[in-house]
Amino acid sequence: MILLLLACAAAAAWYAVRRLVLVTVSGGSMEPTLHDGDRLLVRRARSASLSPGRLVVLRRPPGMATTGPWIVKRVYALPGQRGPGTDAVVPPGYVAVVGDNPHSQDSRQLGPLPAASLLGVVIRRLSTQDSGLAAGAAGASASADVWAATPTSRQEKP
């Protein structure tokens, strides 16, 4: 019985290390939903599991004015759907994302982002640590610190 419990605990730990990532929000692009300093639990996922409205963590695209290797945004449109503020359709292999702050830098300025840059979907906010960042300040997108596991080969190390 004890061996079974130990085996279950080991399996759960292995799953957590392989599938879960802890991220820290940096910046105001997701305000008022997320604030600077919020800690998020993220489940590694593939783009096939996405749906509009989900919060996701993606690799920061080149040319984006932010620090950190990762960004947190909300899925706006999937391939075949219309992107934000345009009649253009999101092409296969891409996803359109937006920040909740209207001043966020996102697919409204950059266009759709590669779905291959997806790290995962946000499962839950673990803690809120509001640093007093002004609600209108959205100069930097949210970024993430990878915890407990090295990203898979299709993703960069942070």
N, C-alpha and C. Protein backbone atom coordinates (compact mmCIF):
# COMPACT_ATOMS: atom_id res chain seq x y z
N MET A 1 0.82 -1.19 0.00
CA MET A 1 0.00 0.00 0.00
C MET A 1 0.87 1.26 0.00
N ILE A 2 1.93 1.25 0.81
CA ILE A 2 2.83 2.40 0.88
C ILE A 2 3.55 2.59 -0.44
N LEU A 3 3.94 1.48 -1.08
CA LEU A 3 4.60 1.59 -2.38
C LEU A 3 3.66 2.18 -3.42
N LEU A 4 2.40 1.83 -3.36
CA LEU A 4 1.42 2.39 -4.29
C LEU A 4 1.28 3.89 -4.08
N LEU A 5 1.23 4.32 -2.83
CA LEU A 5 1.13 5.75 -2.53
C LEU A 5 2.38 6.50 -3.00
N LEU A 6 3.54 5.91 -2.77
CA LEU A 6 4.78 6.53 -3.23
C LEU A 6 4.83 6.61 -4.76
N ALA A 7 4.37 5.58 -5.42
CA ALA A 7 4.34 5.58 -6.88
C ALA A 7 3.38 6.65 -7.39
N CYS A 8 2.24 6.81 -6.76
CA CYS A 8 1.28 7.85 -7.15
C CYS A 8 1.86 9.24 -6.92
N ALA A 9 2.54 9.43 -5.80
CA ALA A 9 3.16 10.72 -5.51
C ALA A 9 4.25 11.03 -6.52
N ALA A 10 5.05 10.05 -6.87
CA ALA A 10 6.11 10.24 -7.86
C ALA A 10 5.52 10.57 -9.23
N ALA A 11 4.45 9.89 -9.60
CA ALA A 11 3.80 10.16 -10.88
C ALA A 11 3.22 11.57 -10.91
N ALA A 12 2.61 12.00 -9.81
CA ALA A 12 2.05 13.35 -9.74
C ALA A 12 3.16 14.40 -9.83
N ALA A 13 4.28 14.17 -9.16
CA ALA A 13 5.40 15.10 -9.22
C ALA A 13 5.98 15.16 -10.63
N TRP A 14 6.13 14.02 -11.28
CA TRP A 14 6.63 13.98 -12.65
C TRP A 14 5.71 14.76 -13.57
N TYR A 15 4.40 14.57 -13.43
CA TYR A 15 3.42 15.29 -14.25
C TYR A 15 3.54 16.80 -14.04
N ALA A 16 3.63 17.22 -12.78
CA ALA A 16 3.71 18.65 -12.48
C ALA A 16 4.96 19.28 -13.09
N VAL A 17 6.10 18.60 -12.98
CA VAL A 17 7.33 19.15 -13.52
C VAL A 17 7.28 19.21 -15.04
N ARG A 18 6.68 18.25 -15.69
CA ARG A 18 6.63 18.20 -17.15
C ARG A 18 5.55 19.09 -17.75
N ARG A 19 4.46 19.31 -17.04
CA ARG A 19 3.30 19.97 -17.63
C ARG A 19 2.98 21.36 -17.07
N LEU A 20 3.51 21.72 -15.91
CA LEU A 20 3.13 22.97 -15.27
C LEU A 20 4.30 23.95 -15.22
N VAL A 21 3.98 25.22 -15.36
CA VAL A 21 4.97 26.28 -15.33
C VAL A 21 4.42 27.39 -14.45
N LEU A 22 5.27 27.99 -13.65
CA LEU A 22 4.90 29.12 -12.81
C LEU A 22 5.42 30.38 -13.49
N VAL A 23 4.56 31.38 -13.71
CA VAL A 23 4.96 32.63 -14.35
C VAL A 23 4.63 33.81 -13.46
N THR A 24 5.40 34.86 -13.62
CA THR A 24 5.17 36.11 -12.90
C THR A 24 4.86 37.20 -13.92
N VAL A 25 3.76 37.90 -13.74
CA VAL A 25 3.36 38.97 -14.64
C VAL A 25 4.27 40.18 -14.40
N SER A 26 4.72 40.78 -15.49
CA SER A 26 5.55 41.97 -15.42
C SER A 26 5.00 42.99 -16.42
N GLY A 27 4.37 44.03 -15.94
CA GLY A 27 3.81 45.04 -16.83
C GLY A 27 2.31 45.14 -16.69
N GLY A 28 1.72 46.07 -17.44
CA GLY A 28 0.30 46.35 -17.30
C GLY A 28 -0.56 46.01 -18.50
N SER A 29 -0.07 45.24 -19.45
CA SER A 29 -0.84 44.98 -20.66
C SER A 29 -2.10 44.14 -20.42
N MET A 30 -2.16 43.43 -19.31
CA MET A 30 -3.33 42.59 -19.03
C MET A 30 -4.23 43.19 -17.95
N GLU A 31 -3.97 44.44 -17.54
CA GLU A 31 -4.85 45.08 -16.56
C GLU A 31 -6.19 45.41 -17.22
N PRO A 32 -7.29 45.26 -16.53
CA PRO A 32 -7.44 45.07 -15.10
C PRO A 32 -7.49 43.61 -14.65
N THR A 33 -7.37 42.66 -15.57
CA THR A 33 -7.47 41.25 -15.20
C THR A 33 -6.27 40.78 -14.39
N LEU A 34 -5.07 41.07 -14.88
CA LEU A 34 -3.83 40.68 -14.21
C LEU A 34 -3.01 41.92 -13.92
N HIS A 35 -2.26 41.88 -12.82
CA HIS A 35 -1.46 43.03 -12.41
C HIS A 35 0.00 42.64 -12.30
N ASP A 36 0.86 43.65 -12.37
CA ASP A 36 2.29 43.46 -12.21
C ASP A 36 2.55 42.71 -10.90
N GLY A 37 3.30 41.62 -10.96
CA GLY A 37 3.61 40.83 -9.77
C GLY A 37 2.70 39.64 -9.55
N ASP A 38 1.59 39.53 -10.27
CA ASP A 38 0.71 38.36 -10.12
C ASP A 38 1.49 37.11 -10.50
N ARG A 39 1.24 36.02 -9.78
CA ARG A 39 1.85 34.71 -10.08
C ARG A 39 0.77 33.83 -10.69
N LEU A 40 1.10 33.18 -11.81
CA LEU A 40 0.14 32.37 -12.55
C LEU A 40 0.64 30.94 -12.69
N LEU A 41 -0.28 29.99 -12.63
CA LEU A 41 0.02 28.60 -12.91
C LEU A 41 -0.40 28.33 -14.35
N VAL A 42 0.54 27.85 -15.16
CA VAL A 42 0.31 27.65 -16.59
C VAL A 42 0.50 26.18 -16.92
N ARG A 43 -0.44 25.63 -17.70
CA ARG A 43 -0.33 24.25 -18.19
C ARG A 43 0.22 24.28 -19.60
N ARG A 44 1.32 23.59 -19.81
CA ARG A 44 1.87 23.51 -21.17
C ARG A 44 0.80 22.93 -22.09
N ALA A 45 0.68 23.51 -23.27
CA ALA A 45 -0.38 23.08 -24.19
C ALA A 45 0.05 23.32 -25.63
N ARG A 46 -0.65 22.71 -26.52
CA ARG A 46 -0.46 22.92 -27.95
C ARG A 46 -1.58 23.82 -28.45
N SER A 47 -1.39 24.40 -29.61
CA SER A 47 -2.36 25.36 -30.13
C SER A 47 -3.72 24.73 -30.40
N ALA A 48 -3.78 23.42 -30.61
CA ALA A 48 -5.07 22.76 -30.87
C ALA A 48 -6.01 22.85 -29.67
N SER A 49 -5.46 23.11 -28.48
CA SER A 49 -6.30 23.18 -27.27
C SER A 49 -6.79 24.60 -26.98
N LEU A 50 -6.49 25.55 -27.84
CA LEU A 50 -6.87 26.94 -27.60
C LEU A 50 -8.31 27.22 -27.99
N SER A 51 -8.87 28.23 -27.34
CA SER A 51 -10.19 28.75 -27.71
C SER A 51 -10.18 30.25 -27.42
N PRO A 52 -10.95 31.03 -28.18
CA PRO A 52 -11.00 32.46 -27.93
C PRO A 52 -11.40 32.76 -26.48
N GLY A 53 -10.72 33.74 -25.90
CA GLY A 53 -10.99 34.13 -24.53
C GLY A 53 -10.02 33.55 -23.51
N ARG A 54 -9.28 32.50 -23.86
CA ARG A 54 -8.33 31.88 -22.93
C ARG A 54 -7.10 32.76 -22.77
N LEU A 55 -6.56 32.79 -21.55
CA LEU A 55 -5.29 33.47 -21.30
C LEU A 55 -4.16 32.50 -21.61
N VAL A 56 -3.16 32.99 -22.36
CA VAL A 56 -2.06 32.14 -22.79
C VAL A 56 -0.72 32.82 -22.55
N VAL A 57 0.34 32.02 -22.50
CA VAL A 57 1.71 32.52 -22.42
C VAL A 57 2.39 32.11 -23.72
N LEU A 58 2.99 33.11 -24.39
CA LEU A 58 3.67 32.90 -25.67
C LEU A 58 5.07 33.48 -25.61
N ARG A 59 5.94 32.98 -26.49
CA ARG A 59 7.27 33.56 -26.64
C ARG A 59 7.09 34.97 -27.20
N ARG A 60 7.83 35.93 -26.63
CA ARG A 60 7.74 37.32 -27.08
C ARG A 60 8.20 37.42 -28.54
N PRO A 61 7.38 38.04 -29.40
CA PRO A 61 7.78 38.17 -30.80
C PRO A 61 8.87 39.22 -30.99
N PRO A 62 9.68 39.09 -32.03
CA PRO A 62 10.70 40.10 -32.31
C PRO A 62 10.03 41.46 -32.55
N GLY A 63 10.65 42.49 -32.09
CA GLY A 63 10.13 43.84 -32.32
C GLY A 63 9.13 44.31 -31.28
N MET A 64 8.78 43.46 -30.34
CA MET A 64 7.83 43.87 -29.31
C MET A 64 8.58 44.63 -28.23
N ALA A 65 8.05 45.80 -27.86
CA ALA A 65 8.70 46.67 -26.87
C ALA A 65 8.39 46.19 -25.46
N THR A 66 9.08 45.17 -25.01
CA THR A 66 8.91 44.64 -23.66
C THR A 66 10.16 43.89 -23.26
N THR A 67 10.28 43.65 -21.97
CA THR A 67 11.41 42.87 -21.49
C THR A 67 10.93 41.45 -21.21
N GLY A 68 11.84 40.54 -21.10
CA GLY A 68 11.49 39.16 -20.79
C GLY A 68 11.19 38.37 -22.05
N PRO A 69 11.38 37.06 -21.96
CA PRO A 69 11.20 36.20 -23.13
C PRO A 69 9.75 35.80 -23.41
N TRP A 70 8.84 36.00 -22.45
CA TRP A 70 7.47 35.52 -22.59
C TRP A 70 6.47 36.67 -22.44
N ILE A 71 5.28 36.50 -23.02
CA ILE A 71 4.19 37.45 -22.87
C ILE A 71 2.92 36.70 -22.47
N VAL A 72 2.04 37.38 -21.73
CA VAL A 72 0.75 36.82 -21.37
C VAL A 72 -0.31 37.64 -22.09
N LYS A 73 -1.18 36.98 -22.84
CA LYS A 73 -2.23 37.66 -23.61
C LYS A 73 -3.49 36.80 -23.60
N ARG A 74 -4.57 37.37 -24.15
CA ARG A 74 -5.84 36.66 -24.28
C ARG A 74 -6.03 36.28 -25.75
N VAL A 75 -6.41 35.04 -26.01
CA VAL A 75 -6.67 34.60 -27.38
C VAL A 75 -7.89 35.34 -27.92
N TYR A 76 -7.71 35.98 -29.06
CA TYR A 76 -8.80 36.72 -29.70
C TYR A 76 -9.39 35.90 -30.86
N ALA A 77 -8.51 35.35 -31.70
CA ALA A 77 -8.99 34.61 -32.87
C ALA A 77 -8.03 33.48 -33.22
N LEU A 78 -8.59 32.41 -33.75
CA LEU A 78 -7.84 31.24 -34.19
C LEU A 78 -7.82 31.21 -35.72
N PRO A 79 -7.05 30.31 -36.33
CA PRO A 79 -7.01 30.24 -37.79
C PRO A 79 -8.41 30.15 -38.40
N GLY A 80 -8.63 30.96 -39.43
CA GLY A 80 -9.93 30.99 -40.11
C GLY A 80 -10.89 32.02 -39.54
N GLN A 81 -10.56 32.62 -38.39
CA GLN A 81 -11.40 33.66 -37.79
C GLN A 81 -10.80 35.03 -38.08
N ARG A 82 -11.62 36.07 -37.97
CA ARG A 82 -11.16 37.43 -38.21
C ARG A 82 -10.33 37.94 -37.03
N GLY A 83 -9.22 38.60 -37.36
CA GLY A 83 -8.34 39.16 -36.34
C GLY A 83 -8.92 40.43 -35.74
N PRO A 84 -8.30 40.95 -34.69
CA PRO A 84 -8.82 42.14 -34.02
C PRO A 84 -8.65 43.40 -34.88
N GLY A 85 -9.75 44.15 -35.03
CA GLY A 85 -9.71 45.42 -35.73
C GLY A 85 -9.42 45.33 -37.21
N THR A 86 -9.70 44.20 -37.83
CA THR A 86 -9.41 44.02 -39.25
C THR A 86 -10.38 43.01 -39.87
N ASP A 87 -10.44 43.04 -41.17
CA ASP A 87 -11.24 42.03 -41.87
C ASP A 87 -10.38 40.84 -42.29
N ALA A 88 -9.07 40.93 -42.03
CA ALA A 88 -8.15 39.85 -42.39
C ALA A 88 -8.42 38.62 -41.53
N VAL A 89 -8.28 37.46 -42.15
CA VAL A 89 -8.49 36.19 -41.46
C VAL A 89 -7.14 35.68 -40.95
N VAL A 90 -7.14 35.13 -39.75
CA VAL A 90 -5.93 34.57 -39.17
C VAL A 90 -5.52 33.34 -39.98
N PRO A 91 -4.28 33.29 -40.48
CA PRO A 91 -3.86 32.16 -41.31
C PRO A 91 -3.58 30.91 -40.48
N PRO A 92 -3.55 29.74 -41.12
CA PRO A 92 -3.21 28.51 -40.40
C PRO A 92 -1.83 28.63 -39.74
N GLY A 93 -1.70 28.07 -38.54
CA GLY A 93 -0.44 28.10 -37.83
C GLY A 93 -0.21 29.37 -37.03
N TYR A 94 -1.21 30.24 -36.95
CA TYR A 94 -1.10 31.50 -36.22
C TYR A 94 -2.28 31.67 -35.29
N VAL A 95 -2.14 32.61 -34.36
CA VAL A 95 -3.20 32.94 -33.41
C VAL A 95 -3.16 34.45 -33.19
N ALA A 96 -4.33 35.07 -33.09
CA ALA A 96 -4.40 36.50 -32.79
C ALA A 96 -4.67 36.65 -31.29
N VAL A 97 -3.85 37.48 -30.62
CA VAL A 97 -3.97 37.67 -29.18
C VAL A 97 -4.04 39.16 -28.87
N VAL A 98 -4.70 39.49 -27.75
CA VAL A 98 -4.80 40.88 -27.32
C VAL A 98 -4.58 40.95 -25.81
N GLY A 99 -4.13 42.12 -25.37
CA GLY A 99 -4.05 42.39 -23.95
C GLY A 99 -5.37 42.98 -23.50
N ASP A 100 -5.71 42.83 -22.23
CA ASP A 100 -6.96 43.38 -21.72
C ASP A 100 -6.89 44.90 -21.59
N ASN A 101 -5.70 45.46 -21.46
CA ASN A 101 -5.53 46.90 -21.41
C ASN A 101 -5.61 47.42 -22.85
N PRO A 102 -6.45 48.43 -23.13
CA PRO A 102 -6.59 48.91 -24.51
C PRO A 102 -5.29 49.48 -25.09
N HIS A 103 -4.30 49.79 -24.25
CA HIS A 103 -3.03 50.32 -24.72
C HIS A 103 -1.98 49.23 -24.88
N SER A 104 -2.38 47.98 -24.78
CA SER A 104 -1.46 46.85 -24.90
C SER A 104 -0.90 46.74 -26.32
N GLN A 105 0.35 46.30 -26.41
CA GLN A 105 0.94 45.98 -27.71
C GLN A 105 0.65 44.52 -27.97
N ASP A 106 -0.07 44.22 -29.06
CA ASP A 106 -0.54 42.86 -29.31
C ASP A 106 -0.82 42.68 -30.80
N SER A 107 -1.69 41.74 -31.14
CA SER A 107 -1.98 41.45 -32.55
C SER A 107 -2.64 42.61 -33.28
N ARG A 108 -3.17 43.58 -32.55
CA ARG A 108 -3.74 44.77 -33.21
C ARG A 108 -2.65 45.55 -33.92
N GLN A 109 -1.42 45.52 -33.39
CA GLN A 109 -0.30 46.21 -34.02
C GLN A 109 0.63 45.24 -34.75
N LEU A 110 0.84 44.06 -34.19
CA LEU A 110 1.83 43.12 -34.69
C LEU A 110 1.28 42.08 -35.66
N GLY A 111 -0.04 41.95 -35.73
CA GLY A 111 -0.63 40.89 -36.53
C GLY A 111 -0.64 39.58 -35.76
N PRO A 112 -1.13 38.51 -36.38
CA PRO A 112 -1.17 37.21 -35.70
C PRO A 112 0.23 36.73 -35.35
N LEU A 113 0.32 35.98 -34.25
CA LEU A 113 1.59 35.43 -33.80
C LEU A 113 1.65 33.93 -34.11
N PRO A 114 2.84 33.38 -34.31
CA PRO A 114 2.95 31.95 -34.62
C PRO A 114 2.43 31.10 -33.46
N ALA A 115 1.59 30.15 -33.77
CA ALA A 115 1.04 29.24 -32.74
C ALA A 115 2.17 28.41 -32.12
N ALA A 116 3.25 28.20 -32.84
CA ALA A 116 4.38 27.43 -32.32
C ALA A 116 5.07 28.14 -31.16
N SER A 117 4.80 29.43 -30.96
CA SER A 117 5.42 30.17 -29.86
C SER A 117 4.65 29.99 -28.55
N LEU A 118 3.59 29.21 -28.55
CA LEU A 118 2.78 28.98 -27.36
C LEU A 118 3.53 28.16 -26.32
N LEU A 119 3.60 28.67 -25.09
CA LEU A 119 4.13 27.90 -23.96
C LEU A 119 3.00 27.13 -23.30
N GLY A 120 1.87 27.81 -23.05
CA GLY A 120 0.75 27.12 -22.42
C GLY A 120 -0.40 28.05 -22.11
N VAL A 121 -1.43 27.48 -21.46
CA VAL A 121 -2.63 28.23 -21.08
C VAL A 121 -2.63 28.45 -19.56
N VAL A 122 -3.12 29.61 -19.16
CA VAL A 122 -3.18 29.93 -17.74
C VAL A 122 -4.29 29.11 -17.09
N ILE A 123 -3.95 28.42 -16.02
CA ILE A 123 -4.94 27.62 -15.28
C ILE A 123 -5.56 28.45 -14.17
N ARG A 124 -4.69 29.17 -13.43
CA ARG A 124 -5.22 29.98 -12.32
C ARG A 124 -4.18 30.98 -11.85
N ARG A 125 -4.67 32.05 -11.25
CA ARG A 125 -3.80 33.03 -10.60
C ARG A 125 -3.55 32.52 -9.19
N LEU A 126 -2.27 32.39 -8.82
CA LEU A 126 -1.91 31.87 -7.51
C LEU A 126 -1.84 32.98 -6.46
N SER A 127 -1.37 34.15 -6.86
CA SER A 127 -1.28 35.26 -5.90
C SER A 127 -1.29 36.57 -6.66
N THR A 128 -1.70 37.62 -5.96
CA THR A 128 -1.70 38.95 -6.51
C THR A 128 -0.77 39.80 -5.69
N GLN A 129 0.15 40.47 -6.37
CA GLN A 129 1.07 41.37 -5.69
C GLN A 129 1.09 42.67 -6.45
N ASP A 130 0.05 43.48 -6.31
CA ASP A 130 -0.05 44.74 -7.03
C ASP A 130 1.09 45.65 -6.61
N SER A 131 1.90 46.06 -7.58
CA SER A 131 3.05 46.90 -7.27
C SER A 131 2.74 48.37 -7.37
N GLY A 132 1.48 48.73 -7.57
CA GLY A 132 1.12 50.13 -7.67
C GLY A 132 1.28 50.68 -9.08
N LEU A 133 1.46 49.83 -10.08
CA LEU A 133 1.57 50.27 -11.45
C LEU A 133 0.27 50.95 -11.86
N ALA A 134 0.36 52.09 -12.46
CA ALA A 134 -0.84 52.83 -12.87
C ALA A 134 -1.65 52.01 -13.86
N ALA A 135 -2.96 52.06 -13.73
CA ALA A 135 -3.84 51.25 -14.58
C ALA A 135 -3.67 51.56 -16.05
N GLY A 136 -3.31 52.77 -16.40
CA GLY A 136 -3.16 53.12 -17.80
C GLY A 136 -1.79 52.79 -18.37
N ALA A 137 -0.85 52.43 -17.54
CA ALA A 137 0.51 52.16 -18.01
C ALA A 137 0.59 50.75 -18.54
N ALA A 138 0.82 50.64 -19.84
CA ALA A 138 0.88 49.32 -20.45
C ALA A 138 2.10 49.21 -21.34
N GLY A 139 3.17 49.87 -20.98
CA GLY A 139 4.35 49.89 -21.82
C GLY A 139 4.97 48.53 -22.02
N ALA A 140 4.90 47.67 -21.06
CA ALA A 140 5.50 46.34 -21.19
C ALA A 140 4.42 45.28 -21.12
N SER A 141 4.57 44.27 -21.94
CA SER A 141 3.66 43.14 -21.87
C SER A 141 4.04 42.27 -20.68
N ALA A 142 3.13 41.42 -20.26
CA ALA A 142 3.44 40.51 -19.15
C ALA A 142 4.51 39.53 -19.60
N SER A 143 5.40 39.18 -18.69
CA SER A 143 6.44 38.22 -19.02
C SER A 143 6.44 37.10 -18.00
N ALA A 144 7.17 36.06 -18.27
CA ALA A 144 7.09 34.87 -17.43
C ALA A 144 8.46 34.32 -17.09
N ASP A 145 8.58 33.77 -15.90
CA ASP A 145 9.77 33.05 -15.47
C ASP A 145 9.41 31.57 -15.45
N VAL A 146 10.15 30.76 -16.17
CA VAL A 146 9.85 29.34 -16.21
C VAL A 146 10.37 28.70 -14.92
N TRP A 147 9.57 27.84 -14.33
CA TRP A 147 9.89 27.19 -13.06
C TRP A 147 9.83 25.69 -13.23
N ALA A 148 10.73 24.98 -12.63
CA ALA A 148 10.69 23.53 -12.41
C ALA A 148 10.98 22.69 -13.63
N ALA A 149 10.86 23.20 -14.83
CA ALA A 149 11.09 22.33 -15.98
C ALA A 149 11.70 23.13 -17.11
N THR A 150 12.54 22.49 -17.88
CA THR A 150 13.11 23.12 -19.04
C THR A 150 12.08 23.05 -20.16
N PRO A 151 11.85 24.15 -20.89
CA PRO A 151 10.90 24.10 -22.00
C PRO A 151 11.30 23.01 -22.99
N THR A 152 10.31 22.48 -23.69
CA THR A 152 10.59 21.43 -24.68
C THR A 152 11.45 21.99 -25.79
N SER A 153 11.93 21.13 -26.63
CA SER A 153 12.88 21.53 -27.67
C SER A 153 12.30 22.56 -28.65
N ARG A 154 11.00 22.64 -28.77
CA ARG A 154 10.44 23.60 -29.72
C ARG A 154 10.34 25.00 -29.12
N GLN A 155 10.77 25.17 -27.85
CA GLN A 155 10.71 26.47 -27.20
C GLN A 155 12.07 26.85 -26.66
N GLU A 156 12.33 28.15 -26.60
CA GLU A 156 13.60 28.63 -26.08
C GLU A 156 13.61 28.57 -24.57
N LYS A 157 14.81 28.46 -24.02
CA LYS A 157 14.95 28.63 -22.57
C LYS A 157 14.80 30.11 -22.28
N PRO A 158 14.16 30.45 -21.17
CA PRO A 158 14.02 31.88 -20.85
C PRO A 158 15.34 32.49 -20.44
